[in-house]
Amino acid sequence: MTTIDTAHAAAEHTVEDFRERGFTHVPNLLTPDEVARFRTAAEEALAAQSNTDEEFGTRITATTDAWERHPALRELALHPRIGALAEQLAGMPLRVWGGEVLRKDPGHSAPTGWHDDLTFALLDSRLIFNAWIALVDVPAERGCLTFLPGSHRRGGPDRVELAEHKSDPDNYLFTHWPELRWSHRVTIPLRAGGATFHQGRTAHYACANASTEVRLSFLVTFTDADATYRPLPGHDPLDLSPGQPLPDHRYPRTPRRDDTR
């Protein structure tokens, strides 16, 4: 079994999955003590500032810029172990673009429909991807992620317009790429402290929380170090100019255990 101390070796073993299938599973990314501390921080962040995404009926409670507001969650987003692993998977220098707490309550959530994260990205980047870190056990019935292997390699446009997602959130991927509907699907339950890493074009889904306990996770978004700002039509929330490189003070380079930069 993969352990904390072999995280770097695990990256070497899973890098092919990440690049060829578009996702990979890394168990035991956090220690039990870290899980407990970061879970408490996540709960505090949700209590202090959160919003419920009900636009498409998903009933996900999510923070906004939690990694910038809460010191412990910033520590998690900039964790050297996670950053080193992310750069090994990507094969390029990275920076952290975001870090948010996600919660699905039992009995009141709905499925998160099939989507890819690149549709929503405010970036021009060679690579955008997420680390989805479980802060509690997330078996299949609690809403773990399901992926379509290789879907990040599909042809056609790099991404669809955000308006198309809003008009048909559950089917926009299948409308543009109907072959995806028949793709093999891989569901990855996670124990607390485990994580999945998935690329921005990888199609994925999560079922409703049909368990009796809360689903709680932390999402770290990585992008290549040379990414530039790309506002979407009708969505330009940052004080940056189109094409502007991301400022280091707000979106720092991923730290490494042996970082000498």
Foldseek 3Di string as FASTA:
>chain_A
DDECVCLVVVLVVCLCQCVQFQKDKFAHVDDPVLLVVVVVLQVVQLVVAWDFPCLPQFRKIKGDQSLVVGVSQVCVLQPQSVQSSVCSSVVAWKWWDGKMKIKAAAPRGFKQAKDFQVQVDQKDAPWKKKKKAWSAWFDQLQWFKKWQTRQCVDDDDNYDHNVLCSVPVRCSVCVVVVVSVVGDMDGDTGHHNMIMMGIRRIIMMIGHNNDNGMTMIMMIMMGHQQMFGHAHVVGDPDPDDGRHGDDCVVTNIRHHPPDPD
